[in-house]
Amino acid sequence: MTILEQITNYKMQEVSERKELVPVKLLEKSIYYNSPTVSLKDYINRADKSGIIAEFKRRSPSKGFINEYANPEKVSIGYMQAGASALSVLTDEKFFGGSNKDLSIVRKFNYCPILRKDFIIDEYQIIEAKSIGADAILLIAAILSPAQLIEYDKFAHSLGLEVLFEVHDNEDLRKIELGNKIIGVNNRNLKTFETNIQTSIALSEMIPSDCLKVSESGIDSVESIIELKKFGFKGFLIGETFMKTSNPENTCKEFILKMKKVSRNKIN
C-alpha cells in the first residue's frame, strides 16, 4: 500500500468520526462560515505580490518532523510581510502534524487568501474548511473520481471557496473538466514521494491558457521559479524550503528579496 493510499484510508475513518463529534449544524455556526472569502486567483495574479503560496507545515510522512514547534501566528504574519501572495496550511494531524486550529490561528492574524491543504474525500471537509476560515481548498485528482471533482468543485464555489486542483501526471489532468481553473502540478509523486520540478514543465503544455498554473513542492531556488515562469506558471507553493529553517518567515523574506533583485537585473 502506498503512502497516499494509507492517508486516504485513514482519512475516510477520520471524517466518519468527525461527522459524529462535530455535526454540520455546529460547523455552520462558526464566525467564519458566513464571512466573505478572499480570492486566491486574484492574489496570485497581483503584480505587487510574488506569486508564492507560503506553506505552514510541521512534518511530512517521508521526512518526519520538519519544524515541530513552529508558531503559526508568527510564521504566517512573517510570510505575508515578506510579500507572499497567499498562505497554505496543512490541517492533517496524523501524517503532517497539522490541525484545524493552526488554520484558524492563521486566519485570525491575516487577511490574505488561505488554502486549506488536506486530503478531501467528503463534502463534510469542504464545510469544515469554510468554518475554520479557509478561502480555498485542495482537491487531489489522484484520490477522487471525475464525478467527485465536479461535485466538490461546485459545492466549494457554492460556499464561496475557490479550488486548487492538484495533479501529478496526464492521467490526473484528464479527470478534470479544464477551463478557467486553478491547476496545481505537484512535483512530488504522492506514491513514492520523489520530487522533480520537471513534472511541472512536462505538464505545462497540456494545461489550457485560461487556467492559472501553480507549481507545488520541490521549489528550493529562485532559479527554479525563473525556469517555471517560462512555462506559464504564476503560482509557486513552497513549504519545506522555508519550514526546515529555524526562522521560516525570514527565509521566505530573503527568498522573495532575491526574486525581486533577479527580476530587476533582468529588466535592466
Protein backbone atom coordinates (compact mmCIF):
# COMPACT_ATOMS: atom_id res chain seq x y z
CA MET A 1 0.00 0.00 0.00
CA THR A 2 1.39 3.42 -0.97
CA ILE A 3 1.60 6.32 1.50
CA LEU A 4 -1.19 8.05 -0.43
CA GLU A 5 -3.46 5.01 -0.05
CA GLN A 6 -2.66 4.83 3.67
CA ILE A 7 -3.53 8.50 4.11
CA THR A 8 -6.77 8.20 2.11
CA ASN A 9 -7.92 5.12 4.00
CA TYR A 10 -7.23 6.76 7.34
CA LYS A 11 -8.95 9.96 6.20
CA MET A 12 -12.19 8.07 5.50
CA GLN A 13 -12.20 6.76 9.06
CA GLU A 14 -11.27 10.16 10.49
CA VAL A 15 -14.02 12.02 8.60
CA SER A 16 -16.61 9.47 9.71
CA GLU A 17 -15.65 10.10 13.35
CA ARG A 18 -15.60 13.90 12.88
CA LYS A 19 -19.13 13.87 11.50
CA GLU A 20 -20.35 12.34 14.74
CA LEU A 21 -18.31 14.57 17.02
CA VAL A 22 -18.89 17.88 15.18
CA PRO A 23 -22.12 17.83 13.13
CA VAL A 24 -22.59 20.15 10.13
CA LYS A 25 -25.07 22.33 12.03
CA LEU A 26 -22.35 23.13 14.54
CA LEU A 27 -19.81 23.94 11.80
CA GLU A 28 -22.33 26.34 10.23
CA LYS A 29 -22.39 28.36 13.47
CA SER A 30 -18.72 29.29 13.12
CA ILE A 31 -17.95 33.01 12.89
CA TYR A 32 -16.17 32.31 9.58
CA TYR A 33 -18.94 30.33 7.93
CA ASN A 34 -20.84 33.32 6.54
CA SER A 35 -17.82 35.60 6.19
CA PRO A 36 -16.69 36.72 2.71
CA THR A 37 -13.65 34.97 1.29
CA VAL A 38 -10.55 36.35 -0.42
CA SER A 39 -9.69 35.22 -3.96
CA LEU A 40 -6.59 33.04 -4.25
CA LYS A 41 -6.58 33.56 -8.01
CA ASP A 42 -6.66 37.36 -7.71
CA TYR A 43 -3.81 37.46 -5.19
CA ILE A 44 -1.56 35.17 -7.25
CA ASN A 45 -2.15 37.43 -10.25
CA ARG A 46 -1.41 40.65 -8.35
CA ALA A 47 1.63 42.46 -9.77
CA ASP A 48 2.71 43.70 -6.33
CA LYS A 49 2.96 40.16 -4.95
CA SER A 50 5.48 37.36 -5.51
CA GLY A 51 3.19 34.55 -6.65
CA ILE A 52 4.44 32.46 -3.74
CA ILE A 53 1.95 30.45 -1.69
CA ALA A 54 3.94 30.08 1.52
CA GLU A 55 3.09 26.96 3.46
CA PHE A 56 2.90 26.25 7.18
CA LYS A 57 3.92 22.61 7.51
CA ARG A 58 5.14 20.86 10.65
CA ARG A 59 6.05 17.43 9.28
CA SER A 60 5.78 15.06 6.32
CA PRO A 61 5.24 11.28 6.10
CA SER A 62 8.58 10.80 4.35
CA LYS A 63 10.81 13.07 6.46
CA GLY A 64 9.11 13.16 9.85
CA PHE A 65 9.08 16.45 11.76
CA ILE A 66 10.42 19.42 9.79
CA ASN A 67 9.61 22.14 12.33
CA GLU A 68 7.57 20.62 15.13
CA TYR A 69 7.21 23.67 17.35
CA ALA A 70 6.72 26.38 14.74
CA ASN A 71 4.28 29.13 15.74
CA PRO A 72 1.51 29.58 13.13
CA GLU A 73 0.86 33.20 14.15
CA LYS A 74 4.50 34.28 13.94
CA VAL A 75 5.33 32.35 10.77
CA SER A 76 2.20 33.34 8.83
CA ILE A 77 2.45 37.05 9.67
CA GLY A 78 6.10 36.94 8.65
CA TYR A 79 5.23 35.23 5.37
CA MET A 80 2.76 37.95 4.47
CA GLN A 81 5.11 40.77 5.50
CA ALA A 82 7.73 39.14 3.28
CA GLY A 83 5.42 39.52 0.26
CA ALA A 84 3.85 36.08 -0.14
CA SER A 85 0.72 36.08 -2.30
CA ALA A 86 -1.14 33.58 -0.14
CA LEU A 87 -0.79 31.08 2.66
CA SER A 88 -1.22 27.32 2.74
CA VAL A 89 -1.86 25.47 5.98
CA LEU A 90 -1.61 21.70 6.43
CA THR A 91 -4.54 20.61 8.60
CA ASP A 92 -3.93 16.85 8.56
CA GLU A 93 -2.81 15.80 12.03
CA LYS A 94 -1.73 12.16 11.80
CA PHE A 95 0.62 12.40 8.81
CA PHE A 96 1.56 16.10 8.70
CA GLY A 97 1.27 17.24 12.32
CA GLY A 98 -1.21 19.98 11.44
CA SER A 99 -4.63 20.90 12.77
CA ASN A 100 -7.75 22.92 12.03
CA LYS A 101 -6.67 25.14 14.91
CA ASP A 102 -3.48 26.07 13.04
CA LEU A 103 -5.53 27.39 10.13
CA SER A 104 -7.95 29.31 12.36
CA ILE A 105 -4.99 30.97 14.12
CA VAL A 106 -3.53 31.96 10.76
CA ARG A 107 -6.94 33.32 9.70
CA LYS A 108 -7.19 35.42 12.84
CA PHE A 109 -4.00 37.32 12.03
CA ASN A 110 -4.09 37.53 8.21
CA TYR A 111 -6.42 38.96 5.57
CA CYS A 112 -4.83 37.23 2.57
CA PRO A 113 -6.14 34.05 0.89
CA ILE A 114 -5.61 30.87 2.90
CA LEU A 115 -5.54 27.45 1.27
CA ARG A 116 -6.63 24.52 3.38
CA LYS A 117 -4.17 21.75 2.49
CA ASP A 118 -5.66 18.36 3.31
CA PHE A 119 -6.88 15.16 1.69
CA ILE A 120 -10.50 15.93 0.90
CA ILE A 121 -12.65 12.89 0.25
CA ASP A 122 -16.03 14.12 1.54
CA GLU A 123 -18.23 17.25 1.27
CA TYR A 124 -18.12 17.48 5.06
CA GLN A 125 -14.47 18.57 4.85
CA ILE A 126 -15.40 21.41 2.49
CA ILE A 127 -17.95 22.72 5.01
CA GLU A 128 -15.29 22.28 7.68
CA ALA A 129 -12.81 24.29 5.59
CA LYS A 130 -15.23 27.23 5.41
CA SER A 131 -15.92 27.01 9.14
CA ILE A 132 -12.24 27.29 10.10
CA GLY A 133 -11.58 30.31 7.88
CA ALA A 134 -10.18 28.91 4.63
CA ASP A 135 -10.62 30.75 1.32
CA ALA A 136 -9.67 27.82 -0.91
CA ILE A 137 -9.40 24.05 -0.76
CA LEU A 138 -7.17 21.46 -2.38
CA LEU A 139 -8.75 18.70 -4.46
CA ILE A 140 -6.27 15.94 -5.28
CA ALA A 141 -7.18 14.31 -8.59
CA ALA A 142 -5.31 11.10 -7.74
CA ILE A 143 -7.74 10.23 -4.91
CA LEU A 144 -11.02 11.44 -6.46
CA SER A 145 -13.14 10.36 -9.40
CA PRO A 146 -14.03 12.79 -12.24
CA ALA A 147 -17.59 12.93 -10.86
CA GLN A 148 -16.35 13.80 -7.36
CA LEU A 149 -14.07 16.51 -8.72
CA ILE A 150 -17.02 18.16 -10.47
CA GLU A 151 -19.32 17.75 -7.48
CA TYR A 152 -16.85 19.05 -4.88
CA ASP A 153 -15.81 21.95 -7.11
CA LYS A 154 -19.41 23.11 -7.47
CA PHE A 155 -20.09 22.65 -3.77
CA ALA A 156 -16.97 24.59 -2.76
CA HIS A 157 -17.90 27.50 -5.02
CA SER A 158 -21.44 27.50 -3.58
CA LEU A 159 -19.79 28.28 -0.24
CA GLY A 160 -17.58 30.98 -1.76
CA LEU A 161 -14.43 28.84 -1.73
CA GLU A 162 -12.00 28.56 -4.63
CA VAL A 163 -10.44 25.25 -5.62
CA LEU A 164 -6.85 24.36 -6.37
CA PHE A 165 -6.93 21.14 -8.41
CA GLU A 166 -3.79 19.11 -7.79
CA VAL A 167 -2.37 16.84 -10.49
CA HIS A 168 0.85 14.92 -10.90
CA ASP A 169 0.54 13.37 -14.34
CA ASN A 170 -1.55 13.36 -17.51
CA GLU A 171 -3.90 10.74 -16.05
CA ASP A 172 -4.79 13.13 -13.22
CA LEU A 173 -5.24 16.00 -15.66
CA ARG A 174 -7.70 14.04 -17.80
CA LYS A 175 -10.00 13.66 -14.80
CA ILE A 176 -10.62 17.42 -14.61
CA GLU A 177 -13.00 19.50 -16.72
CA LEU A 178 -10.37 22.04 -17.70
CA GLY A 179 -11.20 25.67 -18.36
CA ASN A 180 -10.69 28.69 -16.10
CA LYS A 181 -9.44 26.52 -13.24
CA ILE A 182 -6.53 26.83 -10.82
CA ILE A 183 -4.32 23.84 -11.64
CA GLY A 184 -1.54 22.88 -9.26
CA VAL A 185 1.10 20.48 -10.51
CA ASN A 186 2.59 18.59 -7.60
CA ASN A 187 6.24 17.92 -8.38
CA ARG A 188 6.20 15.34 -5.59
CA ASN A 189 4.91 11.91 -6.52
CA LEU A 190 2.49 11.14 -3.67
CA LYS A 191 3.02 7.43 -4.20
CA THR A 192 6.82 7.44 -3.93
CA PHE A 193 7.40 10.98 -2.53
CA GLU A 194 10.15 11.60 -5.09
CA THR A 195 10.31 15.24 -6.22
CA ASN A 196 11.30 16.85 -9.54
CA ILE A 197 10.20 20.25 -10.94
CA GLN A 198 10.42 18.76 -14.45
CA THR A 199 6.97 17.31 -13.65
CA SER A 200 5.50 20.84 -13.86
CA ILE A 201 7.39 21.61 -17.05
CA ALA A 202 6.27 18.36 -18.71
CA LEU A 203 2.58 19.02 -17.94
CA SER A 204 2.59 22.75 -18.67
CA GLU A 205 1.68 22.43 -22.37
CA MET A 206 -1.32 20.22 -21.52
CA ILE A 207 -2.88 22.88 -19.28
CA PRO A 208 -5.10 25.39 -21.19
CA SER A 209 -4.01 29.03 -21.23
CA ASP A 210 -7.16 30.18 -19.40
CA CYS A 211 -6.11 28.15 -16.35
CA LEU A 212 -3.92 29.60 -13.62
CA LYS A 213 -0.86 27.35 -13.30
CA VAL A 214 0.68 26.68 -9.91
CA SER A 215 3.81 24.59 -9.33
CA GLU A 216 3.92 22.77 -5.99
CA SER A 217 6.75 21.17 -3.99
CA GLY A 218 10.46 20.84 -4.61
CA ILE A 219 10.98 24.54 -5.35
CA ASP A 220 14.16 25.39 -3.48
CA SER A 221 15.71 28.21 -5.52
CA VAL A 222 14.84 31.45 -7.30
CA GLU A 223 16.34 29.89 -10.43
CA SER A 224 13.64 27.19 -10.32
CA ILE A 225 10.93 29.87 -10.31
CA ILE A 226 12.54 31.73 -13.22
CA GLU A 227 12.54 28.48 -15.18
CA LEU A 228 8.92 27.65 -14.28
CA LYS A 229 7.74 31.13 -15.30
CA LYS A 230 8.98 30.40 -18.82
CA PHE A 231 6.33 27.68 -18.99
CA GLY A 232 3.47 29.90 -17.82
CA PHE A 233 3.47 29.21 -14.09
CA LYS A 234 2.35 32.15 -11.95
CA GLY A 235 1.91 30.47 -8.56
CA PHE A 236 4.58 28.65 -6.56
CA LEU A 237 3.67 26.67 -3.46
CA ILE A 238 6.70 26.43 -1.18
CA GLY A 239 6.74 24.70 2.19
CA GLU A 240 9.78 22.68 3.23
CA THR A 241 12.31 25.15 1.78
CA PHE A 242 11.07 27.68 4.35
CA MET A 243 9.87 25.43 7.17
CA LYS A 244 13.06 23.38 7.54
CA THR A 245 14.89 26.51 8.75
CA SER A 246 14.76 27.92 12.27
CA ASN A 247 13.02 31.11 11.04
CA PRO A 248 10.75 30.17 8.10
CA GLU A 249 9.44 33.72 7.76
CA ASN A 250 12.97 35.17 7.45
CA THR A 251 13.94 32.53 4.91
CA CYS A 252 10.82 33.45 2.92
CA LYS A 253 11.72 37.15 3.12
CA GLU A 254 15.26 36.52 1.85
CA PHE A 255 13.92 34.30 -0.94
CA ILE A 256 11.46 36.95 -2.16
CA LEU A 257 14.05 39.73 -1.92
CA LYS A 258 16.33 37.65 -4.12
CA MET A 259 13.46 37.10 -6.56
CA LYS A 260 12.90 40.85 -6.83
CA LYS A 261 16.61 41.53 -7.27
CA VAL A 262 16.90 38.97 -10.07
CA SER A 263 13.78 40.43 -11.76
CA ARG A 264 15.20 43.97 -11.61
CA ASN A 265 18.51 42.81 -13.06
CA LYS A 266 16.70 41.13 -15.94
CA ILE A 267 14.77 44.32 -16.72
CA ASN A 268 17.94 46.43 -16.58
